[in-house]
C-alpha atoms as a PDB file:
ATOM      1  CA  MET A   1      -0.017  -0.006  -0.013  1.00  0.00           C
ATOM      2  CA  GLN A   2       2.891   2.311   0.688  1.00  0.00           C
ATOM      3  CA  ALA A   3       4.094   1.820  -2.856  1.00  0.00           C
ATOM      4  CA  LEU A   4       0.883   3.231  -4.176  1.00  0.00           C
ATOM      5  CA  GLU A   5       1.700   6.527  -2.442  1.00  0.00           C
ATOM      6  CA  VAL A   6       5.137   7.017  -3.871  1.00  0.00           C
ATOM      7  CA  ILE A   7       5.398   5.442  -7.392  1.00  0.00           C
ATOM      8  CA  GLU A   8       4.456   7.084 -10.690  1.00  0.00           C
ATOM      9  CA  LEU A   9       0.917   6.875 -12.002  1.00  0.00           C
ATOM     10  CA  GLU A  10       1.783   4.389 -14.775  1.00  0.00           C
ATOM     11  CA  GLN A  11       3.643   2.156 -12.319  1.00  0.00           C
ATOM     12  CA  LYS A  12       0.644   2.367  -9.994  1.00  0.00           C
ATOM     13  CA  ALA A  13      -1.703   1.293 -12.819  1.00  0.00           C
ATOM     14  CA  GLN A  14       0.572  -1.614 -13.693  1.00  0.00           C
ATOM     15  CA  LEU A  15       0.956  -2.748 -10.139  1.00  0.00           C
ATOM     16  CA  VAL A  16      -2.817  -2.791  -9.407  1.00  0.00           C
ATOM     17  CA  ARG A  17      -3.513  -4.861 -12.555  1.00  0.00           C
ATOM     18  CA  GLU A  18      -2.223  -7.771 -10.496  1.00  0.00           C
ATOM     19  CA  LEU A  19      -5.473  -7.473  -8.478  1.00  0.00           C
ATOM     20  CA  ASP A  20      -7.562  -8.257 -11.562  1.00  0.00           C
ATOM     21  CA  GLY A  21      -9.708 -11.251 -10.709  1.00  0.00           C
ATOM     22  CA  HIS A  22      -9.192 -10.791  -6.953  1.00  0.00           C
ATOM     23  CA  VAL A  23     -11.068  -7.474  -6.408  1.00  0.00           C
ATOM     24  CA  MET A  24     -14.075  -8.889  -4.502  1.00  0.00           C
ATOM     25  CA  ARG A  25     -11.907 -10.969  -2.290  1.00  0.00           C
ATOM     26  CA  CYS A  26      -9.783  -7.942  -1.384  1.00  0.00           C
ATOM     27  CA  VAL A  27     -12.763  -5.719  -0.769  1.00  0.00           C
ATOM     28  CA  ARG A  28     -14.071  -8.214   1.849  1.00  0.00           C
ATOM     29  CA  ASP A  29     -10.696  -8.627   3.485  1.00  0.00           C
ATOM     30  CA  GLN A  30      -9.677  -6.655   6.600  1.00  0.00           C
ATOM     31  CA  ASN A  31      -6.454  -5.428   4.938  1.00  0.00           C
ATOM     32  CA  GLY A  32      -7.254  -5.822   1.294  1.00  0.00           C
ATOM     33  CA  ASN A  33     -10.084  -3.391   1.431  1.00  0.00           C
ATOM     34  CA  HIS A  34      -7.552  -0.575   2.301  1.00  0.00           C
ATOM     35  CA  VAL A  35      -5.568  -1.395  -0.778  1.00  0.00           C
ATOM     36  CA  ILE A  36      -8.697  -1.121  -2.970  1.00  0.00           C
ATOM     37  CA  GLN A  37      -9.641   2.159  -1.306  1.00  0.00           C
ATOM     38  CA  LYS A  38      -6.156   3.534  -1.926  1.00  0.00           C
ATOM     39  CA  CYS A  39      -6.379   2.513  -5.624  1.00  0.00           C
ATOM     40  CA  ILE A  40      -9.688   4.250  -6.030  1.00  0.00           C
ATOM     41  CA  GLU A  41      -8.416   7.370  -4.246  1.00  0.00           C
ATOM     42  CA  SER A  42      -5.031   7.714  -6.150  1.00  0.00           C
ATOM     43  CA  ILE A  43      -5.623   6.329  -9.568  1.00  0.00           C
ATOM     44  CA  PRO A  44      -7.907   7.903 -12.211  1.00  0.00           C
ATOM     45  CA  THR A  45     -11.077   5.780 -12.744  1.00  0.00           C
ATOM     46  CA  LYS A  46     -10.237   5.013 -16.401  1.00  0.00           C
ATOM     47  CA  LYS A  47      -7.090   3.168 -15.335  1.00  0.00           C
ATOM     48  CA  ILE A  48      -8.862   0.946 -12.795  1.00  0.00           C
ATOM     49  CA  ALA A  49     -11.914   0.118 -14.865  1.00  0.00           C
ATOM     50  CA  PHE A  50     -11.499  -3.627 -13.840  1.00  0.00           C
ATOM     51  CA  ILE A  51     -11.954  -2.681 -10.223  1.00  0.00           C
ATOM     52  CA  ILE A  52     -15.127  -0.608 -10.782  1.00  0.00           C
ATOM     53  CA  SER A  53     -16.651  -3.189 -13.146  1.00  0.00           C
ATOM     54  CA  ALA A  54     -16.068  -6.002 -10.483  1.00  0.00           C
ATOM     55  CA  PHE A  55     -18.793  -4.185  -8.461  1.00  0.00           C
ATOM     56  CA  ARG A  56     -21.501  -4.462 -11.128  1.00  0.00           C
ATOM     57  CA  GLY A  57     -24.505  -6.305  -9.687  1.00  0.00           C
ATOM     58  CA  GLN A  58     -22.886  -6.357  -6.220  1.00  0.00           C
ATOM     59  CA  VAL A  59     -23.291  -2.725  -5.084  1.00  0.00           C
ATOM     60  CA  ALA A  60     -26.123  -3.372  -2.623  1.00  0.00           C
ATOM     61  CA  ILE A  61     -24.367  -6.406  -1.137  1.00  0.00           C
ATOM     62  CA  LEU A  62     -21.122  -4.480  -0.761  1.00  0.00           C
ATOM     63  CA  SER A  63     -22.921  -1.466   0.720  1.00  0.00           C
ATOM     64  CA  MET A  64     -24.168  -3.768   3.557  1.00  0.00           C
ATOM     65  CA  HIS A  65     -20.694  -5.118   4.235  1.00  0.00           C
ATOM     66  CA  PRO A  66     -18.455  -3.519   6.974  1.00  0.00           C
ATOM     67  CA  TYR A  67     -15.491  -3.083   4.511  1.00  0.00           C
ATOM     68  CA  GLY A  68     -17.495  -2.973   1.233  1.00  0.00           C
ATOM     69  CA  CYS A  69     -19.471   0.078   2.409  1.00  0.00           C
ATOM     70  CA  ARG A  70     -16.160   2.050   2.765  1.00  0.00           C
ATOM     71  CA  VAL A  71     -15.076   1.027  -0.714  1.00  0.00           C
ATOM     72  CA  ILE A  72     -18.410   2.080  -2.299  1.00  0.00           C
ATOM     73  CA  GLN A  73     -18.165   5.432  -0.550  1.00  0.00           C
ATOM     74  CA  ARG A  74     -14.642   5.986  -1.923  1.00  0.00           C
ATOM     75  CA  VAL A  75     -15.978   5.315  -5.469  1.00  0.00           C
ATOM     76  CA  LEU A  76     -18.718   7.919  -4.913  1.00  0.00           C
ATOM     77  CA  GLU A  77     -16.120  10.433  -3.734  1.00  0.00           C
ATOM     78  CA  HIS A  78     -13.284   9.832  -6.251  1.00  0.00           C
ATOM     79  CA  CYS A  79     -14.893   8.694  -9.480  1.00  0.00           C
ATOM     80  CA  THR A  80     -13.424  10.694 -12.391  1.00  0.00           C
ATOM     81  CA  ASP A  81     -15.560   8.994 -15.043  1.00  0.00           C
ATOM     82  CA  GLU A  82     -19.223   9.603 -14.398  1.00  0.00           C
ATOM     83  CA  ILE A  83     -20.478   7.254 -17.101  1.00  0.00           C
ATOM     84  CA  GLN A  84     -18.328   4.397 -15.851  1.00  0.00           C
ATOM     85  CA  CYS A  85     -19.548   4.869 -12.288  1.00  0.00           C
ATOM     86  CA  GLN A  86     -23.269   5.606 -12.951  1.00  0.00           C
ATOM     87  CA  PHE A  87     -24.265   1.999 -12.284  1.00  0.00           C
ATOM     88  CA  ILE A  88     -22.948   2.313  -8.704  1.00  0.00           C
ATOM     89  CA  VAL A  89     -25.526   5.064  -7.895  1.00  0.00           C
ATOM     90  CA  ASP A  90     -28.223   3.272  -9.856  1.00  0.00           C
ATOM     91  CA  GLU A  91     -27.746   0.038  -7.913  1.00  0.00           C
ATOM     92  CA  ILE A  92     -27.804   2.012  -4.641  1.00  0.00           C
ATOM     93  CA  LEU A  93     -31.114   3.662  -5.651  1.00  0.00           C
ATOM     94  CA  GLU A  94     -32.631   0.297  -6.594  1.00  0.00           C
ATOM     95  CA  SER A  95     -32.026  -1.094  -3.080  1.00  0.00           C
ATOM     96  CA  VAL A  96     -32.272   2.121  -1.110  1.00  0.00           C
ATOM     97  CA  TYR A  97     -35.240   0.991   1.103  1.00  0.00           C
ATOM     98  CA  ALA A  98     -33.176  -1.979   2.373  1.00  0.00           C
ATOM     99  CA  LEU A  99     -29.940   0.013   2.532  1.00  0.00           C
ATOM    100  CA  ALA A 100     -31.507   2.778   4.599  1.00  0.00           C
ATOM    101  CA  GLN A 101     -32.261   0.224   7.309  1.00  0.00           C
ATOM    102  CA  ASP A 102     -28.876  -1.543   7.291  1.00  0.00           C
ATOM    103  CA  GLN A 103     -26.129  -0.843   9.783  1.00  0.00           C
ATOM    104  CA  TYR A 104     -23.596  -0.110   6.995  1.00  0.00           C
ATOM    105  CA  GLY A 105     -25.892   0.584   4.043  1.00  0.00           C
ATOM    106  CA  ASN A 106     -27.414   3.576   5.842  1.00  0.00           C
ATOM    107  CA  TYR A 107     -23.969   5.355   5.539  1.00  0.00           C
ATOM    108  CA  VAL A 108     -23.852   4.773   1.801  1.00  0.00           C
ATOM    109  CA  THR A 109     -27.425   6.129   1.505  1.00  0.00           C
ATOM    110  CA  GLN A 110     -26.520   9.223   3.581  1.00  0.00           C
ATOM    111  CA  HIS A 111     -23.461   9.708   1.380  1.00  0.00           C
ATOM    112  CA  VAL A 112     -25.643   9.964  -1.784  1.00  0.00           C
ATOM    113  CA  LEU A 113     -28.016  12.315  -0.017  1.00  0.00           C
ATOM    114  CA  GLU A 114     -25.201  14.596   1.042  1.00  0.00           C
ATOM    115  CA  ARG A 115     -23.075  14.562  -2.078  1.00  0.00           C
ATOM    116  CA  GLY A 116     -25.304  13.202  -4.904  1.00  0.00           C
ATOM    117  CA  LYS A 117     -27.186  15.021  -7.648  1.00  0.00           C
ATOM    118  CA  ALA A 118     -30.496  16.632  -6.970  1.00  0.00           C
ATOM    119  CA  GLN A 119     -32.407  13.946  -9.001  1.00  0.00           C
ATOM    120  CA  GLU A 120     -30.658  11.178  -6.983  1.00  0.00           C
ATOM    121  CA  ARG A 121     -31.786  12.826  -3.702  1.00  0.00           C
ATOM    122  CA  SER A 122     -35.297  13.070  -5.139  1.00  0.00           C
ATOM    123  CA  GLN A 123     -35.339   9.458  -6.026  1.00  0.00           C
ATOM    124  CA  ILE A 124     -34.250   8.357  -2.504  1.00  0.00           C
ATOM    125  CA  ILE A 125     -36.887  10.578  -0.973  1.00  0.00           C
ATOM    126  CA  SER A 126     -39.689   9.325  -3.229  1.00  0.00           C
ATOM    127  CA  LYS A 127     -38.655   5.690  -2.600  1.00  0.00           C
ATOM    128  CA  LEU A 128     -38.681   6.225   1.206  1.00  0.00           C
ATOM    129  CA  SER A 129     -41.811   8.387   1.306  1.00  0.00           C
ATOM    130  CA  GLY A 130     -44.929   6.554   2.502  1.00  0.00           C
ATOM    131  CA  HIS A 131     -42.780   4.893   5.133  1.00  0.00           C
ATOM    132  CA  ILE A 132     -41.330   7.970   6.949  1.00  0.00           C
ATOM    133  CA  VAL A 133     -42.969   7.329  10.398  1.00  0.00           C
ATOM    134  CA  GLN A 134     -41.874   3.686  10.416  1.00  0.00           C
ATOM    135  CA  LEU A 135     -38.311   4.366   9.183  1.00  0.00           C
ATOM    136  CA  SER A 136     -37.942   7.201  11.710  1.00  0.00           C
ATOM    137  CA  GLN A 137     -38.386   4.690  14.471  1.00  0.00           C
ATOM    138  CA  HIS A 138     -35.535   2.547  13.125  1.00  0.00           C
ATOM    139  CA  LYS A 139     -32.060   2.856  14.671  1.00  0.00           C
ATOM    140  CA  PHE A 140     -30.249   3.253  11.278  1.00  0.00           C
ATOM    141  CA  ALA A 141     -32.975   4.508   8.959  1.00  0.00           C
ATOM    142  CA  SER A 142     -33.768   7.394  11.275  1.00  0.00           C
ATOM    143  CA  ASN A 143     -30.378   8.964  10.362  1.00  0.00           C
ATOM    144  CA  VAL A 144     -31.260   8.614   6.680  1.00  0.00           C
ATOM    145  CA  ILE A 145     -34.662  10.385   7.242  1.00  0.00           C
ATOM    146  CA  GLU A 146     -32.863  13.265   9.042  1.00  0.00           C
ATOM    147  CA  LYS A 147     -30.572  13.613   6.007  1.00  0.00           C
ATOM    148  CA  CYS A 148     -33.557  13.562   3.628  1.00  0.00           C
ATOM    149  CA  LEU A 149     -35.013  16.522   5.586  1.00  0.00           C
ATOM    150  CA  GLU A 150     -31.633  18.317   5.721  1.00  0.00           C
ATOM    151  CA  TYR A 151     -30.740  17.936   2.055  1.00  0.00           C
ATOM    152  CA  GLY A 152     -34.111  17.747   0.340  1.00  0.00           C
ATOM    153  CA  ASP A 153     -35.466  20.789  -1.462  1.00  0.00           C
ATOM    154  CA  ALA A 154     -38.444  22.859  -0.152  1.00  0.00           C
ATOM    155  CA  THR A 155     -41.013  20.696  -2.014  1.00  0.00           C
ATOM    156  CA  GLU A 156     -39.493  17.474  -0.725  1.00  0.00           C
ATOM    157  CA  ARG A 157     -39.355  18.731   2.805  1.00  0.00           C
ATOM    158  CA  GLU A 158     -42.991  19.773   2.536  1.00  0.00           C
ATOM    159  CA  LEU A 159     -43.829  16.182   1.403  1.00  0.00           C
ATOM    160  CA  LEU A 160     -41.921  14.594   4.272  1.00  0.00           C
ATOM    161  CA  ILE A 161     -43.227  16.925   6.953  1.00  0.00           C
ATOM    162  CA  SER A 162     -46.843  16.586   5.784  1.00  0.00           C
ATOM    163  CA  GLU A 163     -46.443  12.812   5.910  1.00  0.00           C
ATOM    164  CA  ILE A 164     -45.385  13.156   9.597  1.00  0.00           C
ATOM    165  CA  ILE A 165     -47.925  15.769  10.645  1.00  0.00           C
ATOM    166  CA  GLY A 166     -50.796  14.370   8.565  1.00  0.00           C
ATOM    167  CA  HIS A 167     -54.020  16.360   8.212  1.00  0.00           C
ATOM    168  CA  GLU A 168     -55.813  15.508  11.436  1.00  0.00           C
ATOM    169  CA  GLU A 169     -55.236  17.695  14.425  1.00  0.00           C
ATOM    170  CA  ARG A 170     -55.162  14.671  16.700  1.00  0.00           C
ATOM    171  CA  ASN A 171     -52.626  12.926  14.538  1.00  0.00           C
ATOM    172  CA  ASP A 172     -50.939  10.017  16.321  1.00  0.00           C
ATOM    173  CA  ASN A 173     -47.789  10.002  14.225  1.00  0.00           C
ATOM    174  CA  LEU A 174     -46.341  12.929  16.072  1.00  0.00           C
ATOM    175  CA  LEU A 175     -47.032  11.425  19.450  1.00  0.00           C
ATOM    176  CA  ILE A 176     -45.573   8.008  18.374  1.00  0.00           C
ATOM    177  CA  MET A 177     -42.455   9.740  16.990  1.00  0.00           C
ATOM    178  CA  MET A 178     -41.837  12.149  19.835  1.00  0.00           C
ATOM    179  CA  LYS A 179     -42.039   9.254  22.398  1.00  0.00           C
ATOM    180  CA  ASP A 180     -39.575   7.152  20.335  1.00  0.00           C
ATOM    181  CA  GLN A 181     -35.866   6.927  21.110  1.00  0.00           C
ATOM    182  CA  PHE A 182     -34.866   7.450  17.436  1.00  0.00           C
ATOM    183  CA  ALA A 183     -37.839   9.223  15.884  1.00  0.00           C
ATOM    184  CA  ASN A 184     -37.685  12.073  18.383  1.00  0.00           C
ATOM    185  CA  TYR A 185     -34.454  13.210  16.678  1.00  0.00           C
ATOM    186  CA  VAL A 186     -36.344  13.327  13.381  1.00  0.00           C
ATOM    187  CA  ILE A 187     -38.963  15.570  14.976  1.00  0.00           C
ATOM    188  CA  GLN A 188     -36.171  17.831  16.335  1.00  0.00           C
ATOM    189  CA  LYS A 189     -34.686  18.088  12.834  1.00  0.00           C
ATOM    190  CA  VAL A 190     -38.214  19.017  11.493  1.00  0.00           C
ATOM    191  CA  ILE A 191     -38.455  21.787  14.063  1.00  0.00           C
ATOM    192  CA  ASP A 192     -35.023  23.084  13.027  1.00  0.00           C
ATOM    193  CA  ILE A 193     -35.598  23.159   9.283  1.00  0.00           C
ATOM    194  CA  CYS A 194     -39.321  23.645   8.731  1.00  0.00           C
ATOM    195  CA  SER A 195     -40.818  26.800   7.314  1.00  0.00           C
ATOM    196  CA  GLU A 196     -42.657  29.304   9.512  1.00  0.00           C
ATOM    197  CA  ASN A 197     -45.976  28.077   8.245  1.00  0.00           C
ATOM    198  CA  GLN A 198     -45.089  24.443   9.002  1.00  0.00           C
ATOM    199  CA  ARG A 199     -43.850  25.377  12.410  1.00  0.00           C
ATOM    200  CA  VAL A 200     -47.249  26.930  13.317  1.00  0.00           C
ATOM    201  CA  ILE A 201     -49.037  23.694  12.245  1.00  0.00           C
ATOM    202  CA  LEU A 202     -46.432  21.553  14.065  1.00  0.00           C
ATOM    203  CA  LEU A 203     -46.771  23.496  17.269  1.00  0.00           C
ATOM    204  CA  SER A 204     -50.581  23.324  17.217  1.00  0.00           C
ATOM    205  CA  HIS A 205     -50.308  19.539  16.873  1.00  0.00           C
ATOM    206  CA  ILE A 206     -47.753  19.222  19.684  1.00  0.00           C
ATOM    207  CA  ARG A 207     -49.974  21.411  21.919  1.00  0.00           C
ATOM    208  CA  VAL A 208     -52.680  18.726  21.781  1.00  0.00           C
ATOM    209  CA  HIS A 209     -50.200  16.142  23.190  1.00  0.00           C
ATOM    210  CA  ALA A 210     -48.107  18.330  25.519  1.00  0.00           C
ATOM    211  CA  HIS A 211     -49.397  16.895  28.755  1.00  0.00           C
ATOM    212  CA  ALA A 212     -49.009  13.288  27.578  1.00  0.00           C
ATOM    213  CA  LEU A 213     -45.536  13.924  26.172  1.00  0.00           C
ATOM    214  CA  LYS A 214     -44.244  15.266  29.449  1.00  0.00           C
ATOM    215  CA  LYS A 215     -44.471  11.736  30.915  1.00  0.00           C
ATOM    216  CA  TYR A 216     -41.937  10.346  28.379  1.00  0.00           C
ATOM    217  CA  THR A 217     -38.207  10.744  28.437  1.00  0.00           C
ATOM    218  CA  TYR A 218     -37.839  11.808  24.783  1.00  0.00           C
ATOM    219  CA  GLY A 219     -41.095  13.720  24.443  1.00  0.00           C
ATOM    220  CA  LYS A 220     -40.299  15.679  27.585  1.00  0.00           C
ATOM    221  CA  HIS A 221     -37.089  17.007  26.040  1.00  0.00           C
ATOM    222  CA  ILE A 222     -38.888  18.243  22.938  1.00  0.00           C
ATOM    223  CA  VAL A 223     -41.660  19.969  24.940  1.00  0.00           C
ATOM    224  CA  ALA A 224     -39.093  21.617  27.212  1.00  0.00           C
ATOM    225  CA  ARG A 225     -37.039  22.771  24.205  1.00  0.00           C
ATOM    226  CA  LEU A 226     -40.083  24.219  22.480  1.00  0.00           C
ATOM    227  CA  GLU A 227     -41.224  26.016  25.659  1.00  0.00           C
ATOM    228  CA  GLN A 228     -37.783  27.563  25.843  1.00  0.00           C
ATOM    229  CA  GLN A 229     -37.805  28.588  22.243  1.00  0.00           C
ATOM    230  CA  PHE A 230     -41.408  29.762  21.843  1.00  0.00           C
ATOM    231  CA  GLY A 231     -42.577  30.396  25.339  1.00  0.00           C
ATOM    232  CA  GLY A 232     -45.846  28.989  26.726  1.00  0.00           C
ATOM    233  CA  VAL A 233     -46.913  27.980  23.292  1.00  0.00           C
ATOM    234  CA  TYR A 234     -48.857  24.928  24.414  1.00  0.00           C
ATOM    235  CA  TYR A 235     -51.502  26.016  26.758  1.00  0.00           C
ATOM    236  CA  TYR A 236     -54.769  27.723  25.875  1.00  0.00           C
END
């Protein structure tokens, strides 16, 4: 691996060709994955086409692997040939519902949300919408939902927030989420990023549940925080 840091580019490309046929074995290896990561970081994508193409059809599986997920993230960061690497993102998007809930795959999903193109973010959000309340209560997926809120555009945020708030004043989603050890962080993110109009609706919904929420560890924190920010906003 040290050699990859000091030798000339052509020598690097020649050296790594010896990995051809062994890429997947290296990716899954405790030490080998570092070599693959270093190749992706330090050699232009065109010269390591055999490494990238070894991942075809395997991206979701690798994204759910403790070492593979790091390698996939390096490809997303360092790919210098968009056409050659497009299948990586496409395969992530195909399996995003499963990846969002995986202990390693959720990091790959967050990576695309943070650094991907607007249409890739939109695809992730549309594939997860309809399941926002359930995913927010999940240890790993809740982090992905927070990133959807943070990096989505105004229309996407509106979609996500309205799915959480619903249209009924006595909507149970909010109560369920504010009591939950993971989903309460999603609600805190909503409070931070929502529009003024959404905040008014949100507060009116929370007001309905304020007394009940004070009995719960997580709900109690949100009520206290809102009282601090907006004063006695809950009581008629």
